[in-house]
Amino acid sequence: MMGGRTRSWLLVLSLGLNLFLVGLMAGHRFSPPPVPEALPGTVFADLRRMADVLPAETVGEIRQQFESHRLEIIRGLMAMRAARDEVRDVLRQDPYDPEALRAAFQGLRDRTADVQSVVHGVLVDVAGLLDPEERLAIVRTPERRGGPERRGSQDSPGRSGLPFPRGLQPPAQ
């Protein structure tokens, strides 16, 4: 049999472990999602690509331009993600509501336009920092979502992994 003192220690240890686990679960549930250094497929990932073709001092100036709008862009991307979730939620509804889906798609278009407006404004400012050769170097960098080699041919998979339908050609470069 356990003594009273051992039982008290086990009770305190159990209580501490339970509080620790509850804290972990609460922290996981209520903390905001982490924001990666470079969200894949975003302008921050593109900035890394630009760093490969531009001088370091130019990249530093460009980075400062984007960093000054970083939170605004990330918040916009998170709003776009929420708008996509809304579209998915509406599609799950039964009965199907076409007006709700139209409204959800409009919300997604609006959130996308908001982010694009910010990014395009920064890109206009960034282009003003570059000389003609540097702008040409950026134009020649591989596309973020892949050129013809990634899009595939008529019968090979495109970005989605699905083949292009017969008779429909991938977009020309």
Protein backbone atom coordinates (compact mmCIF):
# COMPACT_ATOMS: atom_id res chain seq x y z
CA MET A 1 0.00 0.00 0.00
CA MET A 2 1.10 3.53 -0.67
CA GLY A 3 1.77 5.88 2.12
CA GLY A 4 -0.11 9.18 2.47
CA ARG A 5 2.96 11.16 1.47
CA THR A 6 3.52 9.20 -1.77
CA ARG A 7 -0.14 9.50 -2.65
CA SER A 8 0.01 13.29 -2.15
CA TRP A 9 3.05 13.57 -4.44
CA LEU A 10 1.37 11.49 -7.11
CA LEU A 11 -1.75 13.65 -6.86
CA VAL A 12 0.29 16.85 -7.22
CA LEU A 13 2.25 15.35 -10.13
CA SER A 14 -0.97 14.22 -11.84
CA LEU A 15 -2.55 17.64 -11.33
CA GLY A 16 0.55 19.37 -12.76
CA LEU A 17 0.62 17.08 -15.79
CA ASN A 18 -3.08 17.62 -16.43
CA LEU A 19 -2.70 21.41 -16.20
CA PHE A 20 0.26 21.27 -18.57
CA LEU A 21 -1.72 19.23 -21.13
CA VAL A 22 -4.76 21.53 -20.84
CA GLY A 23 -2.45 24.51 -21.40
CA LEU A 24 -0.97 22.90 -24.51
CA MET A 25 -4.41 22.18 -25.93
CA ALA A 26 -5.65 25.70 -25.16
CA GLY A 27 -2.54 27.22 -26.70
CA HIS A 28 -2.95 25.15 -29.83
CA ARG A 29 -6.65 25.95 -30.08
CA PHE A 30 -6.51 29.69 -29.47
CA SER A 31 -3.17 30.75 -30.96
CA PRO A 32 -3.11 32.35 -34.42
CA PRO A 33 -1.71 30.23 -37.23
CA PRO A 34 2.04 30.59 -37.70
CA VAL A 35 3.17 32.72 -40.61
CA PRO A 36 6.06 31.13 -42.46
CA GLU A 37 9.02 33.23 -43.54
CA ALA A 38 8.00 32.90 -47.19
CA LEU A 39 4.52 31.75 -47.92
CA PRO A 40 4.80 29.38 -50.90
CA GLY A 41 3.42 30.88 -54.07
CA THR A 42 3.46 34.43 -52.76
CA VAL A 43 5.40 37.55 -53.49
CA PHE A 44 7.73 36.73 -50.58
CA ALA A 45 8.74 33.52 -52.32
CA ASP A 46 9.19 35.52 -55.54
CA LEU A 47 11.48 37.89 -53.67
CA ARG A 48 13.80 34.96 -53.00
CA ARG A 49 13.83 34.19 -56.73
CA MET A 50 14.69 37.81 -57.52
CA ALA A 51 17.61 37.63 -55.10
CA ASP A 52 19.23 35.10 -57.44
CA VAL A 53 19.36 37.52 -60.37
CA LEU A 54 19.84 40.96 -58.80
CA PRO A 55 22.74 42.59 -56.96
CA ALA A 56 22.63 42.26 -53.17
CA GLU A 57 22.20 46.00 -52.55
CA THR A 58 19.23 46.11 -54.92
CA VAL A 59 17.68 43.08 -53.23
CA GLY A 60 18.07 44.84 -49.88
CA GLU A 61 16.17 47.88 -51.17
CA ILE A 62 13.43 45.66 -52.63
CA ARG A 63 13.18 43.68 -49.41
CA GLN A 64 12.66 46.93 -47.47
CA GLN A 65 9.84 47.91 -49.83
CA PHE A 66 8.06 44.59 -49.30
CA GLU A 67 8.79 44.44 -45.58
CA SER A 68 7.05 47.79 -45.12
CA HIS A 69 3.87 46.13 -46.44
CA ARG A 70 4.47 42.61 -45.10
CA LEU A 71 1.73 42.56 -42.45
CA GLU A 72 -0.79 44.09 -44.82
CA ILE A 73 -0.01 41.45 -47.46
CA ILE A 74 -0.08 38.58 -44.95
CA ARG A 75 -3.39 39.78 -43.51
CA GLY A 76 -4.75 39.98 -47.04
CA LEU A 77 -3.57 36.45 -47.80
CA MET A 78 -5.21 35.22 -44.61
CA ALA A 79 -8.44 36.98 -45.64
CA MET A 80 -8.22 35.26 -49.03
CA ARG A 81 -7.83 31.91 -47.26
CA ALA A 82 -10.90 32.67 -45.15
CA ALA A 83 -12.84 33.62 -48.30
CA ARG A 84 -11.84 30.29 -49.90
CA ASP A 85 -13.04 28.52 -46.76
CA GLU A 86 -16.35 30.38 -47.09
CA VAL A 87 -16.72 29.13 -50.67
CA ARG A 88 -16.07 25.57 -49.47
CA ASP A 89 -18.59 25.97 -46.64
CA VAL A 90 -21.28 27.20 -49.03
CA LEU A 91 -20.58 24.29 -51.38
CA ARG A 92 -21.09 21.88 -48.48
CA GLN A 93 -24.52 23.31 -47.64
CA ASP A 94 -27.61 21.30 -48.39
CA PRO A 95 -29.76 22.49 -50.01
CA TYR A 96 -27.52 24.19 -52.57
CA ASP A 97 -27.85 27.99 -52.57
CA PRO A 98 -26.56 29.53 -55.81
CA GLU A 99 -26.93 33.10 -54.48
CA ALA A 100 -24.84 32.28 -51.42
CA LEU A 101 -22.18 30.76 -53.67
CA ARG A 102 -22.19 33.83 -55.93
CA ALA A 103 -21.75 36.02 -52.85
CA ALA A 104 -18.93 33.81 -51.52
CA PHE A 105 -17.14 33.97 -54.89
CA GLN A 106 -17.58 37.74 -54.95
CA GLY A 107 -16.02 37.92 -51.49
CA LEU A 108 -13.09 35.84 -52.72
CA ARG A 109 -12.64 38.10 -55.75
CA ASP A 110 -12.74 41.17 -53.50
CA ARG A 111 -10.13 39.76 -51.07
CA THR A 112 -7.91 38.73 -54.00
CA ALA A 113 -8.18 42.22 -55.52
CA ASP A 114 -7.29 43.79 -52.16
CA VAL A 115 -4.05 41.82 -51.93
CA GLN A 116 -3.19 42.34 -55.58
CA SER A 117 -3.68 46.07 -55.20
CA VAL A 118 -1.13 46.24 -52.38
CA VAL A 119 1.38 43.96 -54.13
CA HIS A 120 1.03 45.75 -57.45
CA GLY A 121 1.62 49.09 -55.74
CA VAL A 122 4.81 47.77 -54.18
CA LEU A 123 5.91 46.29 -57.52
CA VAL A 124 5.43 49.68 -59.20
CA ASP A 125 7.67 51.24 -56.55
CA VAL A 126 10.20 48.41 -56.85
CA ALA A 127 10.37 48.71 -60.65
CA GLY A 128 11.32 52.36 -60.16
CA LEU A 129 14.37 51.26 -58.15
CA LEU A 130 15.68 49.04 -60.95
CA ASP A 131 17.65 49.91 -64.04
CA PRO A 132 16.50 48.46 -67.39
CA GLU A 133 18.90 45.48 -67.20
CA GLU A 134 17.64 44.53 -63.72
CA ARG A 135 14.01 44.74 -64.84
CA LEU A 136 14.86 42.48 -67.79
CA ALA A 137 16.60 40.00 -65.43
CA ILE A 138 13.41 39.76 -63.35
CA VAL A 139 11.27 39.27 -66.44
CA ARG A 140 13.53 36.38 -67.46
CA THR A 141 13.26 34.55 -64.13
CA PRO A 142 11.17 31.36 -64.27
CA GLU A 143 7.47 31.81 -63.63
CA ARG A 144 6.34 31.08 -60.10
CA ARG A 145 3.73 28.59 -61.21
CA GLY A 146 5.75 27.09 -63.99
CA GLY A 147 6.19 27.68 -67.66
CA PRO A 148 5.39 25.22 -70.42
CA GLU A 149 7.71 22.62 -68.93
CA ARG A 150 5.55 22.50 -65.77
CA ARG A 151 2.18 23.08 -67.37
CA GLY A 152 2.54 20.07 -69.57
CA SER A 153 1.48 19.35 -73.08
CA GLN A 154 -1.95 18.54 -74.38
CA ASP A 155 -1.84 15.03 -72.93
CA SER A 156 0.35 15.58 -69.90
CA PRO A 157 -0.74 16.97 -66.56
CA GLY A 158 -0.95 20.68 -65.98
CA ARG A 159 -0.55 22.46 -62.63
CA SER A 160 -3.56 20.67 -61.20
CA GLY A 161 -2.14 17.26 -62.12
CA LEU A 162 -5.08 16.71 -64.47
CA PRO A 163 -4.42 16.30 -68.19
CA PHE A 164 -5.51 19.02 -70.56
CA PRO A 165 -8.69 17.94 -72.32
CA ARG A 166 -8.13 16.75 -75.88
CA GLY A 167 -8.41 19.61 -78.33
CA LEU A 168 -7.75 22.25 -75.65
CA GLN A 169 -4.22 23.61 -75.71
CA PRO A 170 -2.37 25.02 -72.70
CA PRO A 171 -2.01 28.80 -72.74
CA ALA A 172 0.72 30.05 -75.04
CA GLN A 173 3.67 31.86 -73.53
